[in-house]
Amino acid sequence: MFKIKAIHTPSFSESITLIAGIVLMIGVCLILFDAVPHLPLLFSVLLLIAYGLLKRIPYRALEKGLIEGAGSGMSAVFLFFFIGLLISSYMMSGTIPTLIYAGFQIITPTFFFAIVFIVTSIVGVSIGSSLTTVATVGVAFIGMASILEVSLPLAAGAIVSGAFFGDKMSPLSDTTNLASSIVGVDLFEHIRNMGWTTVPAFILTTIFFGILSPSVNTGDFDKIDVFQKTLLGTGMIHWYTVIPLLTLFILTIKKVPALLTLAISSAVAVLLSFLHHTYGFADVMGILFKGFVSSTGVEDVDKLLTGGGMESMMFTVSLVLLALSMGGLLFTLGIIQSLLEGIEVLLKKVSSVILASAVTAIGINVLIGEQYLSILLTGQAFQSSYEKVGLANKNLSRVIEDAGTVVNPLVPWSVCGIFISQVLGVTTLEYLPFAFFCLLSPILTILFGYLGKTLTRIS
């Protein structure tokens, strides 16, 4: 989307007014009226089209920007479809039920949230994909939280925090590779430098989740025992059901494209399901499209093991396309470009450069809902500013990860926010206050900028 050419040059004040109006409208609709985010995004698109027509811009040109914006997200759309297939195939193969069962063997409510955060962090670093982490072990953990009757928003916050720690620090992560390459920094030098802000955020997050973890009581264990027996009764708990997950890890390490990795892992899961179930071809097609439906007779277990399917991603896909369409219009009308130029003029000190780049990365996430654009645009816009104040590029690559990559899941209409809320069944605004790692990362990077600590100067 960053290659979309502006056909209009609005003033900085016009751009600020339009953006404020869009953010206000989206915020009011979501918070005060509890509306689905599709409608305020659609209204925002109409507002931008009206502005373009008032500026005598041909409708066809506006429509082109709309289509180019939506088109930039088609790879994500196909990825979502395959994640829907992955979840349903992992359900029918027993992969997710086995993960849940195994989790009950090692997890207690005493430090539940802290353990969830640490485990999802390890998985996230291993596979380098936050969304895949959420869709696999995240689904298992949110199911455990439901069974233990602990806070689902807190559990979701722990899952999101761990998944995006992995997304940020894994050498296999798309965003980590993108952030380092866009500013010309060695990948592992970039990861090492992120440790200055990431390690303190990780430690603080672990402490917070440890403190907030619930106390143990006998009722929890009685209920866990019932669920374990019910899970065993499904006939899906076997050692070989983790093979699809191992396949996912191996293909990711081999740097096989994400879409192919998800497809192959799903196919392996479907094949393994025939070892303990007899499905017809029509049954498999139905499960992959509509999702897996559990029928153990225990209502809570059935809720836990029912889900996935391509159809479950339709809500997410439609919202992503609307958000990216709005982004296409913002670029076509020159609004994003005008804002970036206006901010860059104010940069004279190290602290102001870091603050402005962090705010820009956060702002693009809020306005467009796309973490890749947040990284790309901020990295491109601020390289010269960092050079002018004598800062090495690895400072910029760290900032765009601290304030770009990990902020995306905190925005209700963002690609990650939409996906996570749909998969985990917890709204973005509910888990946002508890996604401690994602909240601490931008705060620490701005704080260190003002203190002048952990910064590398141009030699």
Protein backbone atom coordinates (compact mmCIF):
# COMPACT_ATOMS: atom_id res chain seq x y z
CA MET A 1 0.00 0.00 0.00
CA PHE A 2 2.94 2.35 0.61
CA LYS A 3 3.46 2.44 -3.19
CA ILE A 4 0.05 4.04 -3.78
CA LYS A 5 0.66 7.48 -5.29
CA ALA A 6 -1.06 10.52 -3.82
CA ILE A 7 -3.27 12.44 -6.26
CA HIS A 8 -3.95 15.28 -3.82
CA THR A 9 -1.84 17.30 -1.38
CA PRO A 10 -3.94 18.33 1.63
CA SER A 11 -2.71 20.79 4.23
CA PHE A 12 -1.45 19.46 7.54
CA SER A 13 -4.46 20.95 9.35
CA GLU A 14 -6.89 19.28 6.92
CA SER A 15 -5.18 15.93 7.43
CA ILE A 16 -5.27 16.27 11.22
CA THR A 17 -8.97 17.22 11.13
CA LEU A 18 -9.91 14.27 8.93
CA ILE A 19 -7.92 11.81 11.01
CA ALA A 20 -9.37 13.14 14.26
CA GLY A 21 -12.87 12.80 12.80
CA ILE A 22 -12.25 9.20 11.72
CA VAL A 23 -10.73 8.17 15.06
CA LEU A 24 -13.58 9.89 16.96
CA MET A 25 -16.25 8.22 14.84
CA ILE A 26 -14.69 4.76 15.17
CA GLY A 27 -14.14 5.23 18.91
CA VAL A 28 -17.70 6.40 19.60
CA CYS A 29 -19.25 3.57 17.58
CA LEU A 30 -17.13 0.88 19.24
CA ILE A 31 -17.06 2.12 22.82
CA LEU A 32 -20.36 3.94 23.33
CA PHE A 33 -22.62 1.98 20.99
CA ASP A 34 -20.83 -1.39 21.05
CA ALA A 35 -21.11 -1.57 17.25
CA VAL A 36 -19.26 -4.08 15.12
CA PRO A 37 -16.20 -2.30 13.65
CA HIS A 38 -17.36 -2.87 10.05
CA LEU A 39 -19.86 -0.02 10.14
CA PRO A 40 -17.63 2.80 11.45
CA LEU A 41 -14.95 1.75 8.96
CA LEU A 42 -17.49 1.87 6.15
CA PHE A 43 -18.65 5.31 7.33
CA SER A 44 -15.01 6.44 7.37
CA VAL A 45 -14.61 5.28 3.77
CA LEU A 46 -17.68 7.31 2.81
CA LEU A 47 -16.30 10.36 4.66
CA LEU A 48 -13.02 10.14 2.74
CA ILE A 49 -14.84 9.73 -0.58
CA ALA A 50 -16.97 12.80 0.23
CA TYR A 51 -13.82 14.79 1.02
CA GLY A 52 -12.24 13.69 -2.25
CA LEU A 53 -15.32 14.68 -4.27
CA LEU A 54 -15.40 18.11 -2.56
CA LYS A 55 -11.79 18.56 -3.71
CA ARG A 56 -12.97 17.75 -7.26
CA ILE A 57 -11.10 14.48 -7.45
CA PRO A 58 -12.74 12.09 -9.96
CA TYR A 59 -14.66 9.26 -8.36
CA ARG A 60 -12.84 6.72 -10.53
CA ALA A 61 -9.52 7.84 -9.03
CA LEU A 62 -10.92 7.42 -5.51
CA GLU A 63 -12.31 4.03 -6.42
CA LYS A 64 -8.90 2.99 -7.73
CA GLY A 65 -7.29 3.92 -4.40
CA LEU A 66 -9.99 1.96 -2.57
CA ILE A 67 -9.35 -1.14 -4.69
CA GLU A 68 -5.55 -0.86 -4.44
CA GLY A 69 -5.81 -0.62 -0.67
CA ALA A 70 -7.98 -3.73 -0.46
CA GLY A 71 -5.74 -5.54 -2.96
CA SER A 72 -2.69 -5.03 -0.74
CA GLY A 73 -4.27 -7.32 1.83
CA MET A 74 -5.12 -10.28 -0.38
CA SER A 75 -2.14 -12.31 0.87
CA ALA A 76 -3.43 -11.83 4.42
CA VAL A 77 -6.94 -12.84 3.33
CA PHE A 78 -5.70 -16.17 1.94
CA LEU A 79 -3.61 -16.68 5.06
CA PHE A 80 -6.72 -16.25 7.21
CA PHE A 81 -8.61 -18.83 5.16
CA PHE A 82 -5.83 -21.35 5.74
CA ILE A 83 -5.69 -20.54 9.47
CA GLY A 84 -9.42 -21.36 9.58
CA LEU A 85 -8.62 -24.71 7.94
CA LEU A 86 -5.72 -25.22 10.34
CA ILE A 87 -7.88 -24.82 13.46
CA SER A 88 -10.62 -27.15 12.22
CA SER A 89 -8.09 -29.77 11.07
CA TYR A 90 -6.24 -29.54 14.40
CA MET A 91 -9.57 -30.11 16.16
CA MET A 92 -10.51 -33.18 14.10
CA SER A 93 -7.01 -34.67 14.30
CA GLY A 94 -6.90 -34.26 18.09
CA THR A 95 -3.94 -31.85 18.05
CA ILE A 96 -5.68 -29.08 20.01
CA PRO A 97 -7.49 -31.51 22.37
CA THR A 98 -4.14 -33.21 23.08
CA LEU A 99 -2.48 -29.84 23.73
CA ILE A 100 -5.26 -28.97 26.18
CA TYR A 101 -4.98 -32.36 27.89
CA ALA A 102 -1.19 -32.04 28.15
CA GLY A 103 -1.57 -28.51 29.45
CA PHE A 104 -3.66 -29.76 32.35
CA GLN A 105 -0.75 -32.00 33.34
CA ILE A 106 1.67 -29.10 33.82
CA ILE A 107 -0.48 -26.04 34.53
CA THR A 108 -2.06 -25.07 37.82
CA PRO A 109 -4.15 -21.96 38.52
CA THR A 110 -1.45 -20.78 40.98
CA PHE A 111 0.71 -19.20 38.26
CA PHE A 112 -1.59 -19.88 35.32
CA PHE A 113 -1.27 -16.53 33.51
CA ALA A 114 2.51 -16.35 33.96
CA ILE A 115 2.94 -19.90 32.61
CA VAL A 116 0.63 -19.15 29.67
CA PHE A 117 2.74 -16.07 28.84
CA ILE A 118 6.04 -17.96 29.05
CA VAL A 119 4.85 -20.97 27.02
CA THR A 120 3.31 -18.84 24.25
CA SER A 121 6.52 -16.78 24.17
CA ILE A 122 8.59 -19.94 23.60
CA VAL A 123 6.23 -21.19 20.88
CA GLY A 124 6.12 -17.71 19.30
CA VAL A 125 9.91 -17.52 19.06
CA SER A 126 10.02 -21.09 17.71
CA ILE A 127 7.65 -20.48 14.79
CA GLY A 128 7.95 -16.68 14.37
CA SER A 129 4.24 -16.11 13.78
CA SER A 130 2.02 -14.43 16.33
CA LEU A 131 -1.23 -15.34 14.59
CA THR A 132 -0.30 -19.00 14.20
CA THR A 133 0.71 -19.11 17.88
CA VAL A 134 -2.65 -17.62 18.88
CA ALA A 135 -4.55 -20.01 16.58
CA THR A 136 -2.85 -23.12 18.01
CA VAL A 137 -1.59 -23.03 21.61
CA GLY A 138 -3.58 -19.82 22.20
CA VAL A 139 -6.85 -21.60 21.45
CA ALA A 140 -5.80 -24.41 23.79
CA PHE A 141 -4.96 -22.01 26.62
CA ILE A 142 -8.14 -19.97 26.29
CA GLY A 143 -10.01 -23.27 26.55
CA MET A 144 -8.15 -24.12 29.74
CA ALA A 145 -8.92 -20.68 31.18
CA SER A 146 -12.61 -21.28 30.48
CA ILE A 147 -12.48 -24.66 32.24
CA LEU A 148 -10.63 -23.24 35.25
CA GLU A 149 -13.15 -20.36 35.38
CA VAL A 150 -10.40 -17.74 35.47
CA SER A 151 -10.50 -14.38 33.70
CA LEU A 152 -10.66 -14.87 29.91
CA PRO A 153 -9.49 -11.28 29.18
CA LEU A 154 -6.43 -11.87 31.41
CA ALA A 155 -5.75 -15.20 29.71
CA ALA A 156 -6.10 -13.57 26.29
CA GLY A 157 -3.75 -10.78 27.42
CA ALA A 158 -1.15 -13.39 28.41
CA ILE A 159 -1.56 -15.23 25.09
CA VAL A 160 -1.27 -12.03 23.05
CA SER A 161 1.73 -10.84 25.08
CA GLY A 162 3.59 -14.12 24.56
CA ALA A 163 2.67 -14.45 20.90
CA PHE A 164 3.92 -10.95 20.09
CA PHE A 165 7.07 -11.37 22.15
CA GLY A 166 7.78 -14.26 19.79
CA ASP A 167 6.75 -12.25 16.71
CA LYS A 168 9.15 -9.50 17.76
CA MET A 169 12.20 -11.54 18.80
CA SER A 170 12.17 -14.54 16.46
CA PRO A 171 14.62 -14.55 13.52
CA LEU A 172 11.87 -16.44 11.65
CA SER A 173 9.36 -13.59 12.02
CA ASP A 174 8.27 -11.59 8.97
CA THR A 175 8.07 -8.36 10.97
CA THR A 176 11.51 -8.85 12.53
CA ASN A 177 13.09 -9.45 9.12
CA LEU A 178 11.16 -6.53 7.61
CA ALA A 179 12.15 -4.07 10.37
CA SER A 180 15.84 -4.92 10.08
CA SER A 181 15.92 -4.94 6.27
CA ILE A 182 13.96 -1.72 5.75
CA VAL A 183 16.66 0.30 7.56
CA GLY A 184 19.64 -1.85 6.53
CA VAL A 185 20.52 -3.46 9.87
CA ASP A 186 21.84 -7.02 10.33
CA LEU A 187 19.00 -9.26 11.54
CA PHE A 188 20.76 -10.63 14.62
CA GLU A 189 22.23 -7.24 15.54
CA HIS A 190 18.66 -5.92 15.40
CA ILE A 191 17.40 -8.73 17.67
CA ARG A 192 20.26 -8.20 20.17
CA ASN A 193 19.58 -4.46 20.28
CA MET A 194 15.86 -5.06 20.91
CA GLY A 195 16.87 -6.95 24.05
CA TRP A 196 17.45 -3.64 25.86
CA THR A 197 13.73 -2.90 25.85
CA THR A 198 12.33 -6.40 25.36
CA VAL A 199 14.00 -8.14 28.31
CA PRO A 200 12.74 -5.59 30.90
CA ALA A 201 9.26 -5.76 29.31
CA PHE A 202 9.36 -9.59 29.45
CA ILE A 203 10.42 -9.65 33.12
CA LEU A 204 7.83 -7.06 34.19
CA THR A 205 5.10 -8.87 32.23
CA THR A 206 5.96 -12.19 33.88
CA ILE A 207 5.83 -10.56 37.32
CA PHE A 208 2.47 -8.89 36.59
CA PHE A 209 0.91 -12.14 35.37
CA GLY A 210 2.37 -14.01 38.36
CA ILE A 211 0.78 -11.53 40.77
CA LEU A 212 -2.57 -11.61 38.97
CA SER A 213 -2.77 -15.40 38.73
CA PRO A 214 -5.65 -16.79 40.83
CA SER A 215 -5.41 -18.85 43.99
CA VAL A 216 -5.80 -22.61 43.84
CA ASN A 217 -9.02 -24.17 45.07
CA THR A 218 -10.28 -27.74 45.14
CA GLY A 219 -13.20 -27.05 42.82
CA ASP A 220 -10.84 -26.14 39.99
CA PHE A 221 -9.06 -29.48 40.23
CA ASP A 222 -12.31 -31.44 40.40
CA LYS A 223 -13.46 -29.74 37.21
CA ILE A 224 -10.11 -30.35 35.52
CA ASP A 225 -10.41 -34.05 36.35
CA VAL A 226 -13.85 -34.20 34.71
CA PHE A 227 -12.54 -32.47 31.59
CA GLN A 228 -9.49 -34.72 31.38
CA LYS A 229 -11.64 -37.84 31.55
CA THR A 230 -14.02 -36.42 28.94
CA LEU A 231 -11.12 -35.54 26.65
CA LEU A 232 -9.73 -39.06 26.98
CA GLY A 233 -13.18 -40.38 26.17
CA THR A 234 -13.15 -38.65 22.78
CA GLY A 235 -10.48 -41.08 21.55
CA MET A 236 -8.51 -38.15 20.13
CA ILE A 237 -5.75 -37.93 22.77
CA HIS A 238 -2.70 -39.63 21.23
CA TRP A 239 1.02 -38.90 21.02
CA TYR A 240 0.94 -38.79 17.23
CA THR A 241 -1.55 -35.88 17.18
CA VAL A 242 1.34 -33.46 17.85
CA ILE A 243 2.88 -34.38 14.47
CA PRO A 244 0.97 -31.59 12.63
CA LEU A 245 2.39 -29.06 15.13
CA LEU A 246 5.91 -30.45 14.71
CA THR A 247 5.40 -30.23 10.93
CA LEU A 248 4.44 -26.58 11.39
CA PHE A 249 7.63 -25.90 13.38
CA ILE A 250 9.91 -27.70 10.92
CA LEU A 251 8.47 -26.03 7.81
CA THR A 252 8.69 -22.63 9.49
CA ILE A 253 12.35 -23.20 10.38
CA LYS A 254 12.96 -24.26 6.76
CA LYS A 255 11.41 -20.91 5.75
CA VAL A 256 8.66 -22.50 3.67
CA PRO A 257 6.09 -19.78 2.78
CA ALA A 258 3.43 -19.37 5.48
CA LEU A 259 0.50 -20.29 3.24
CA LEU A 260 2.14 -23.55 2.14
CA THR A 261 3.20 -24.30 5.72
CA LEU A 262 -0.37 -23.95 6.98
CA ALA A 263 -1.74 -26.00 4.07
CA ILE A 264 0.73 -28.87 4.56
CA SER A 265 0.26 -28.91 8.35
CA SER A 266 -3.53 -28.98 7.89
CA ALA A 267 -3.26 -31.84 5.37
CA VAL A 268 -1.11 -33.86 7.80
CA ALA A 269 -3.70 -33.25 10.54
CA VAL A 270 -6.57 -34.42 8.30
CA LEU A 271 -4.71 -37.60 7.37
CA LEU A 272 -3.91 -38.37 11.03
CA SER A 273 -7.57 -37.95 12.00
CA PHE A 274 -8.37 -41.18 10.08
CA LEU A 275 -6.31 -43.13 12.63
CA HIS A 276 -9.00 -42.64 15.27
CA HIS A 277 -12.09 -41.52 13.28
CA THR A 278 -13.83 -42.63 10.13
CA TYR A 279 -14.75 -39.63 8.03
CA GLY A 280 -16.25 -39.53 4.56
CA PHE A 281 -14.91 -37.08 2.00
CA ALA A 282 -18.03 -34.94 2.40
CA ASP A 283 -17.54 -34.91 6.20
CA VAL A 284 -13.97 -33.65 5.84
CA MET A 285 -15.04 -30.92 3.41
CA GLY A 286 -17.82 -29.86 5.78
CA ILE A 287 -15.49 -29.69 8.77
CA LEU A 288 -12.84 -27.71 6.88
CA PHE A 289 -15.42 -25.16 5.73
CA LYS A 290 -17.89 -24.92 8.62
CA GLY A 291 -15.60 -26.00 11.46
CA PHE A 292 -15.38 -28.99 13.75
CA VAL A 293 -18.40 -29.77 15.95
CA SER A 294 -17.77 -31.74 19.15
CA SER A 295 -20.42 -34.11 20.51
CA THR A 296 -19.09 -35.52 23.78
CA GLY A 297 -22.32 -34.81 25.63
CA VAL A 298 -20.52 -32.52 28.11
CA GLU A 299 -21.61 -29.01 27.15
CA ASP A 300 -18.48 -27.16 28.29
CA VAL A 301 -16.16 -29.61 26.53
CA ASP A 302 -18.23 -29.39 23.35
CA LYS A 303 -17.95 -25.60 23.40
CA LEU A 304 -14.22 -25.94 23.86
CA LEU A 305 -13.70 -28.39 20.99
CA THR A 306 -16.08 -26.79 18.49
CA GLY A 307 -14.64 -24.22 16.11
CA GLY A 308 -12.43 -23.36 13.18
CA GLY A 309 -13.26 -23.67 9.50
CA MET A 310 -12.97 -21.31 6.59
CA GLU A 311 -16.42 -19.89 7.29
CA SER A 312 -15.30 -18.67 10.73
CA MET A 313 -12.82 -16.33 9.03
CA MET A 314 -15.41 -14.47 6.93
CA PHE A 315 -16.03 -11.85 9.65
CA THR A 316 -12.28 -11.26 9.89
CA VAL A 317 -11.72 -11.13 6.14
CA SER A 318 -14.50 -8.59 5.52
CA LEU A 319 -13.18 -6.34 8.28
CA VAL A 320 -9.59 -6.53 7.04
CA LEU A 321 -10.68 -5.59 3.51
CA LEU A 322 -12.63 -2.59 4.84
CA ALA A 323 -9.69 -1.41 6.97
CA LEU A 324 -7.22 -1.72 4.11
CA SER A 325 -9.64 0.01 1.72
CA MET A 326 -9.74 2.96 4.09
CA GLY A 327 -5.95 2.91 4.17
CA GLY A 328 -5.85 3.00 0.36
CA LEU A 329 -8.00 6.13 0.35
CA LEU A 330 -5.84 7.79 3.02
CA PHE A 331 -2.80 7.28 0.79
CA THR A 332 -4.57 8.25 -2.44
CA LEU A 333 -5.75 11.52 -0.86
CA GLY A 334 -2.23 12.23 0.43
CA ILE A 335 -3.39 12.39 4.05
CA ILE A 336 -0.79 9.95 5.45
CA GLN A 337 2.01 11.60 3.49
CA SER A 338 0.98 15.05 4.72
CA LEU A 339 1.00 13.90 8.35
CA LEU A 340 4.44 12.29 8.03
CA GLU A 341 5.92 15.42 6.46
CA GLY A 342 4.36 17.64 9.12
CA ILE A 343 5.80 15.58 11.96
CA GLU A 344 9.28 15.35 10.42
CA VAL A 345 9.69 19.14 10.38
CA LEU A 346 9.52 19.26 14.21
CA LEU A 347 12.41 16.86 14.80
CA LYS A 348 15.53 18.42 16.29
CA LYS A 349 16.51 16.39 19.40
CA VAL A 350 17.17 12.69 19.99
CA SER A 351 14.21 12.38 22.35
CA SER A 352 11.82 14.11 19.94
CA VAL A 353 12.96 11.93 17.02
CA ILE A 354 12.35 8.74 18.99
CA LEU A 355 9.02 9.99 20.33
CA ALA A 356 7.85 11.09 16.88
CA SER A 357 8.84 7.80 15.21
CA ALA A 358 7.15 5.79 17.97
CA VAL A 359 3.98 7.88 17.77
CA THR A 360 3.99 7.55 13.98
CA ALA A 361 4.28 3.76 14.18
CA ILE A 362 1.43 3.66 16.70
CA GLY A 363 -0.62 6.15 14.67
CA ILE A 364 -0.36 4.15 11.45
CA ASN A 365 -1.50 1.06 13.34
CA VAL A 366 -4.49 2.98 14.65
CA LEU A 367 -5.36 4.62 11.32
CA ILE A 368 -4.74 1.74 8.92
CA GLY A 369 -4.63 -1.28 11.20
CA GLU A 370 -1.67 -2.86 9.40
CA GLN A 371 1.62 -3.61 11.21
CA TYR A 372 3.66 -4.10 8.02
CA LEU A 373 2.74 -0.61 6.82
CA SER A 374 3.55 0.75 10.25
CA ILE A 375 7.06 -0.70 9.97
CA LEU A 376 7.58 0.24 6.32
CA LEU A 377 6.33 3.82 6.48
CA THR A 378 7.97 4.72 9.78
CA GLY A 379 11.26 3.16 8.71
CA GLN A 380 11.26 5.03 5.41
CA ALA A 381 10.13 8.36 6.86
CA PHE A 382 12.59 8.64 9.77
CA GLN A 383 15.93 7.29 8.53
CA SER A 384 17.22 10.74 7.63
CA SER A 385 15.98 12.18 10.94
CA TYR A 386 17.91 9.57 12.93
CA GLU A 387 21.04 10.31 10.91
CA LYS A 388 20.69 14.05 11.56
CA VAL A 389 20.71 13.57 15.35
CA GLY A 390 23.57 11.04 15.16
CA LEU A 391 21.65 7.83 15.92
CA ALA A 392 22.48 4.51 14.26
CA ASN A 393 19.78 2.83 12.21
CA LYS A 394 19.39 -0.05 14.67
CA ASN A 395 17.77 2.42 17.07
CA LEU A 396 15.08 3.06 14.48
CA SER A 397 14.56 -0.63 13.73
CA ARG A 398 14.06 -1.21 17.47
CA VAL A 399 11.55 1.61 17.80
CA ILE A 400 9.42 0.47 14.86
CA GLU A 401 9.18 -3.00 16.41
CA ASP A 402 8.50 -1.68 19.95
CA ALA A 403 5.81 0.72 18.76
CA GLY A 404 4.72 -0.91 15.51
CA THR A 405 4.76 -4.71 15.60
CA VAL A 406 3.42 -5.19 19.13
CA VAL A 407 0.82 -2.39 19.04
CA ASN A 408 -1.21 -3.84 16.17
CA PRO A 409 -3.11 -6.41 18.32
CA LEU A 410 -4.28 -3.58 20.60
CA VAL A 411 -6.28 -1.88 17.82
CA PRO A 412 -9.83 -3.32 17.48
CA TRP A 413 -10.01 -2.76 13.71
CA SER A 414 -6.45 -3.89 12.96
CA VAL A 415 -5.60 -7.08 11.09
CA CYS A 416 -4.24 -8.75 14.24
CA GLY A 417 -6.86 -7.31 16.60
CA ILE A 418 -9.73 -8.57 14.45
CA PHE A 419 -8.20 -12.02 14.03
CA ILE A 420 -7.31 -12.53 17.70
CA SER A 421 -10.70 -11.42 19.03
CA GLN A 422 -12.41 -13.76 16.56
CA VAL A 423 -10.24 -16.79 17.33
CA LEU A 424 -10.08 -16.39 21.12
CA GLY A 425 -13.63 -15.13 21.60
CA VAL A 426 -12.42 -12.15 23.67
CA THR A 427 -12.81 -8.63 22.27
CA THR A 428 -9.74 -6.45 21.74
CA LEU A 429 -10.91 -3.86 24.26
CA GLU A 430 -11.37 -6.60 26.88
CA TYR A 431 -7.83 -8.02 26.62
CA LEU A 432 -6.09 -4.71 25.83
CA PRO A 433 -5.49 -3.66 29.50
CA PHE A 434 -3.86 -7.04 30.17
CA ALA A 435 -1.60 -7.29 27.12
CA PHE A 436 1.20 -6.03 29.35
CA PHE A 437 4.11 -6.83 27.03
CA CYS A 438 2.47 -4.97 24.14
CA LEU A 439 1.76 -1.96 26.38
CA LEU A 440 5.19 -1.85 28.03
CA SER A 441 7.27 -2.08 24.84
CA PRO A 442 6.41 1.37 23.38
CA ILE A 443 6.54 2.97 26.85
CA LEU A 444 10.04 1.63 27.50
CA THR A 445 11.38 2.59 24.07
CA ILE A 446 10.15 6.19 24.51
CA LEU A 447 11.43 6.32 28.12
CA PHE A 448 14.91 5.13 27.14
CA GLY A 449 14.89 7.71 24.36
CA TYR A 450 14.26 10.52 26.81
CA LEU A 451 16.84 9.15 29.27
CA GLY A 452 19.37 8.68 26.49
CA LYS A 453 19.98 5.10 27.61
CA THR A 454 20.74 2.01 25.46
CA LEU A 455 21.08 4.18 22.35
CA THR A 456 23.82 3.58 19.76
CA ARG A 457 25.42 6.62 18.15
CA ILE A 458 26.80 6.72 14.62
CA SER A 459 30.52 5.98 14.93
